[in-house]
Protein backbone atom coordinates (compact mmCIF):
# COMPACT_ATOMS: atom_id res chain seq x y z
CA MET A 1 -13.87 36.75 -21.88
CA LYS A 2 -16.77 34.68 -20.54
CA ARG A 3 -16.32 32.16 -23.37
CA LEU A 4 -12.62 31.86 -22.60
CA LEU A 5 -13.37 31.27 -18.92
CA ILE A 6 -15.92 28.56 -19.73
CA LEU A 7 -13.48 26.90 -22.16
CA SER A 8 -10.72 27.03 -19.54
CA VAL A 9 -12.93 25.39 -16.91
CA PHE A 10 -13.90 22.70 -19.41
CA LEU A 11 -10.34 21.96 -20.51
CA MET A 12 -8.72 21.81 -17.07
CA PRO A 13 -10.08 18.33 -16.19
CA LEU A 14 -9.18 17.06 -19.66
CA LEU A 15 -5.63 18.35 -19.34
CA TYR A 16 -5.39 16.74 -15.91
CA LEU A 17 -6.57 13.39 -17.25
CA SER A 18 -4.17 13.66 -20.16
CA ALA A 19 -1.27 14.28 -17.77
CA GLN A 20 -2.32 11.27 -15.74
CA ASN A 21 -2.43 9.09 -18.86
CA GLU A 22 1.00 10.32 -19.95
CA GLU A 23 2.40 9.05 -16.68
CA GLY A 24 1.30 5.56 -17.65
CA PHE A 25 -0.80 4.89 -14.56
CA ILE A 26 -4.17 3.18 -14.72
CA SER A 27 -6.85 3.37 -12.05
CA ILE A 28 -7.48 -0.07 -10.50
CA PHE A 29 -10.25 0.95 -8.08
CA ASP A 30 -13.32 2.70 -9.45
CA GLY A 31 -14.48 4.20 -6.14
CA GLU A 32 -17.91 2.62 -6.54
CA SER A 33 -17.44 -1.14 -6.29
CA THR A 34 -14.94 -3.92 -5.74
CA ARG A 35 -14.95 -4.78 -9.44
CA ASN A 36 -11.62 -6.41 -10.42
CA TRP A 37 -10.93 -7.23 -6.76
CA THR A 38 -11.52 -10.55 -5.02
CA PRO A 39 -11.76 -10.89 -1.22
CA SER A 40 -10.54 -13.94 0.65
CA THR A 41 -13.28 -16.36 1.67
CA GLU A 42 -12.83 -15.60 5.37
CA ASN A 43 -14.64 -12.46 6.51
CA LYS A 44 -15.73 -11.17 3.10
CA ALA A 45 -17.79 -8.50 4.86
CA SER A 46 -14.56 -6.82 5.99
CA PHE A 47 -14.51 -4.84 2.72
CA LYS A 48 -17.03 -2.15 1.76
CA VAL A 49 -17.03 0.81 -0.58
CA VAL A 50 -18.13 3.94 1.24
CA GLU A 51 -18.17 7.44 -0.28
CA GLY A 52 -15.52 6.65 -2.87
CA SER A 53 -13.11 4.74 -0.66
CA LEU A 54 -12.52 1.07 0.03
CA VAL A 55 -12.97 0.54 3.76
CA CYS A 56 -11.19 -2.38 5.41
CA LYS A 57 -12.87 -3.14 8.71
CA GLY A 58 -13.71 -6.47 10.31
CA GLY A 59 -12.14 -9.86 10.90
CA ARG A 60 -8.84 -10.77 9.29
CA ALA A 61 -9.20 -10.79 5.50
CA HIS A 62 -7.43 -9.71 2.32
CA ILE A 63 -8.71 -8.42 -0.99
CA PHE A 64 -6.64 -8.94 -4.14
CA TYR A 65 -6.49 -7.14 -7.49
CA THR A 66 -7.68 -9.83 -9.93
CA PRO A 67 -8.87 -8.32 -13.24
CA LYS A 68 -9.72 -10.86 -15.93
CA ASP A 69 -8.65 -8.69 -18.85
CA LYS A 70 -5.30 -7.37 -17.52
CA GLU A 71 -2.01 -8.77 -16.32
CA THR A 72 -2.24 -9.96 -12.73
CA SER A 73 1.34 -11.08 -12.20
CA PHE A 74 4.00 -8.41 -12.56
CA LYS A 75 7.45 -7.74 -11.14
CA ASN A 76 8.41 -4.15 -11.89
CA PHE A 77 5.73 -1.58 -11.11
CA GLU A 78 4.71 1.61 -9.37
CA LEU A 79 1.66 1.73 -7.13
CA LYS A 80 0.19 5.01 -5.91
CA LEU A 81 -2.73 5.27 -3.53
CA LYS A 82 -4.20 7.41 -0.80
CA VAL A 83 -4.65 5.87 2.65
CA MET A 84 -6.31 6.98 5.87
CA THR A 85 -6.01 5.16 9.17
CA THR A 86 -8.26 5.52 12.17
CA ALA A 87 -7.16 5.28 15.80
CA ASN A 88 -5.31 2.10 16.76
CA SER A 89 -5.78 0.53 13.34
CA ASN A 90 -3.49 -1.81 11.46
CA SER A 91 -3.52 -2.71 7.76
CA GLY A 92 -1.12 -3.25 4.90
CA VAL A 93 -0.56 -3.16 1.16
CA TYR A 94 0.73 -6.47 -0.20
CA PHE A 95 2.58 -6.86 -3.48
CA HIS A 96 4.20 -9.73 -5.39
CA THR A 97 1.44 -11.81 -3.85
CA LYS A 98 -1.45 -13.87 -5.21
CA TYR A 99 -5.05 -14.62 -4.31
CA GLN A 100 -5.36 -16.70 -1.15
CA LYS A 101 -8.60 -17.98 0.36
CA LYS A 102 -7.65 -17.41 4.00
CA GLY A 103 -4.85 -16.61 6.39
CA TRP A 104 -2.03 -14.10 6.15
CA PRO A 105 -0.65 -14.09 2.58
CA ASP A 106 2.12 -16.64 2.17
CA LEU A 107 3.72 -14.82 -0.75
CA GLY A 108 4.90 -11.27 -1.27
CA PHE A 109 5.91 -8.28 0.77
CA GLU A 110 3.79 -5.99 2.94
CA ALA A 111 4.06 -2.23 2.99
CA GLN A 112 2.81 -1.58 6.50
CA VAL A 113 -0.11 0.76 7.26
CA ASN A 114 -0.13 1.73 10.93
CA SER A 115 -0.20 5.19 12.47
CA SER A 116 -1.07 4.40 16.10
CA HIS A 117 -1.68 0.65 16.45
CA GLY A 118 0.37 -1.11 19.15
CA ASP A 119 2.68 -2.80 16.65
CA PRO A 120 5.85 -0.64 16.64
CA ARG A 121 6.36 -1.31 12.91
CA LYS A 122 4.73 1.77 11.42
CA THR A 123 3.53 3.10 8.08
CA GLY A 124 6.31 3.14 5.53
CA SER A 125 7.83 -0.14 6.67
CA LEU A 126 8.69 -3.01 4.37
CA TYR A 127 7.31 -5.28 7.05
CA GLY A 128 9.85 -7.62 8.61
CA VAL A 129 12.62 -6.45 6.28
CA VAL A 130 13.16 -2.73 6.84
CA ASN A 131 10.94 -1.41 9.63
CA ILE A 132 10.08 2.17 10.47
CA PHE A 133 10.19 1.40 14.16
CA ALA A 134 8.56 3.48 16.90
CA PRO A 135 8.65 1.43 20.11
CA LYS A 136 7.64 2.82 23.49
CA ASP A 137 10.05 3.35 26.37
CA VAL A 138 13.18 2.61 24.35
CA GLU A 139 16.38 4.63 24.30
CA PRO A 140 16.51 6.32 20.87
CA TYR A 141 18.98 5.03 18.30
CA VAL A 142 19.49 5.40 14.57
CA VAL A 143 19.46 1.95 12.97
CA LYS A 144 19.73 -1.58 14.33
CA VAL A 145 19.99 -4.92 12.56
CA GLY A 146 18.26 -7.82 14.27
CA LYS A 147 18.00 -11.52 13.67
CA ASN A 148 17.71 -12.69 10.07
CA ARG A 149 19.01 -9.30 8.90
CA GLU A 150 15.80 -7.46 9.82
CA VAL A 151 16.48 -3.71 9.92
CA PHE A 152 14.93 -1.33 12.46
CA VAL A 153 15.01 2.40 11.71
CA TYR A 154 14.11 4.23 14.91
CA LYS A 155 11.49 6.99 14.75
CA ASP A 156 9.58 8.88 17.42
CA ALA A 157 6.31 8.25 15.60
CA ALA A 158 4.81 7.02 12.35
CA PRO A 159 5.09 9.23 9.25
CA SER A 160 1.29 9.10 8.94
CA THR A 161 -1.44 10.52 11.16
CA ASP A 162 -4.83 9.01 12.01
CA ASN A 163 -7.85 10.51 10.24
CA GLU A 164 -5.69 12.24 7.62
CA TRP A 165 -5.20 11.02 4.06
CA PHE A 166 -1.62 10.33 3.11
CA ASP A 167 0.03 9.43 -0.20
CA TYR A 168 1.59 5.98 -0.40
CA HIS A 169 3.95 5.20 -3.26
CA ILE A 170 5.53 1.78 -3.77
CA ILE A 171 8.10 1.14 -6.49
CA VAL A 172 9.70 -2.16 -7.47
CA LYS A 173 12.39 -2.20 -10.13
CA ASP A 174 14.48 -5.32 -10.57
CA ASN A 175 15.87 -6.12 -7.09
CA ARG A 176 15.09 -2.74 -5.54
CA ILE A 177 12.06 -1.69 -3.48
CA ILE A 178 11.30 1.94 -2.64
CA ILE A 179 8.48 3.07 -0.35
CA LYS A 180 7.43 6.70 -0.01
CA VAL A 181 4.99 8.39 2.36
CA ASN A 182 3.80 11.84 1.30
CA GLY A 183 6.74 12.03 -1.10
CA GLU A 184 9.37 11.19 1.51
CA THR A 185 11.33 7.95 1.08
CA THR A 186 11.03 5.66 4.09
CA VAL A 187 12.57 2.53 2.55
CA ASP A 188 15.10 2.10 -0.25
CA TRP A 189 16.15 -1.54 -0.13
CA THR A 190 18.00 -3.72 -2.61
CA GLN A 191 17.59 -7.45 -2.14
CA PRO A 192 21.04 -9.02 -1.56
CA ASP A 193 22.20 -11.73 -3.93
CA ASP A 194 22.37 -14.19 -1.04
CA TRP A 195 18.86 -13.39 0.27
CA THR A 196 17.27 -16.66 1.41
CA LYS A 197 14.10 -15.50 3.15
CA LYS A 198 10.74 -16.81 1.99
CA ARG A 199 9.55 -13.29 1.26
CA ARG A 200 11.61 -12.25 -1.72
CA ILE A 201 11.26 -10.29 -4.93
CA GLY A 202 9.44 -12.28 -7.56
CA GLU A 203 6.17 -11.29 -9.20
CA GLY A 204 2.46 -11.20 -8.43
CA THR A 205 -0.47 -8.90 -7.82
CA VAL A 206 -1.35 -6.44 -5.05
CA GLY A 207 -3.70 -6.82 -2.10
CA LEU A 208 -5.10 -4.87 0.82
CA GLN A 209 -5.50 -6.09 4.37
CA ALA A 210 -8.27 -6.02 6.95
CA HIS A 211 -6.26 -6.79 10.07
CA ASP A 212 -8.75 -7.26 12.90
CA PRO A 213 -12.29 -6.22 13.99
CA LYS A 214 -11.01 -3.11 15.81
CA SER A 215 -9.06 -1.76 12.84
CA GLU A 216 -10.57 0.51 10.19
CA THR A 217 -8.52 1.76 7.26
CA HIS A 218 -9.61 3.58 4.10
CA TYR A 219 -8.08 3.40 0.60
CA LYS A 220 -8.81 5.42 -2.54
CA ASP A 221 -7.26 6.72 -5.78
CA ILE A 222 -5.43 3.42 -6.33
CA LYS A 223 -3.30 3.65 -9.47
CA LEU A 224 -0.89 1.17 -11.01
CA LYS A 225 1.86 1.46 -13.63
CA ILE A 226 3.57 -1.72 -14.79
CA LEU A 227 7.21 -1.07 -15.70
CA ASP A 228 9.44 -2.87 -18.20
C-alpha cells in the first residue's frame, strides 16, 4: 500500500504535465526571469520578477514576448494567464502587437486589466472596441454604441477583484476575438468586413503593460497555444 501511495504521488505531477502538453500550450514565462521578454527602453525598471510572478509597477512601459527560437508573429492563438491587480491599478495585455521602444503600442489590441482604477473600462474589455463599462453615477443600462462603433456593456463593477488572482483567457481565431475572466466570457466580437479602425486583427506578439507609477499588477502562469 505504501509503495502504491508513493507511486501515486510521484505520477500525479507527471500526469498533470502530460495533460498540459496535450492541450498544446507552452509556458512563455519561467517565473524566475524575463528571459524571452524585452521591455521598452522607457522605464525598464517597471518590470521585476518577484516570488514567481512578473510585477508591473513604475512609469509607463511595456514588455513584449520576443523569443529568438520561436515564432513571434502569429494571428490565431489562445493565451492563458493568471493576473492580480492591486488597489487603483491599471494594466493591460496586448496582442497582435510588436516590440516598441516607447509610448503606448501603436499596433494591436489591449485586453484591459483594471479592477478599481478610475478608468471605467474594466477587466475583460477589448479596450476601445467592446468595453466592460462600470462608470460612477450613471443610470444603469444594458448596452450602448458610441462614436466609431465603440460598444459599452454596462456593469456595476469589474469581473475581477483587487488582491485576488483571476484567470484571463484570450482567444483569436480568424476574425473573432473572445475574452474570458475566470471562465466567463466578457467579450465575443467578430471584426466586421468594413472595419476601418487602426486597431484591427492582423498578427503579432503579446505584451504586458506598466501603466503608471501608482499601478502595480502581477502576472504568472503565462501560457500560449498558437492555432492553425
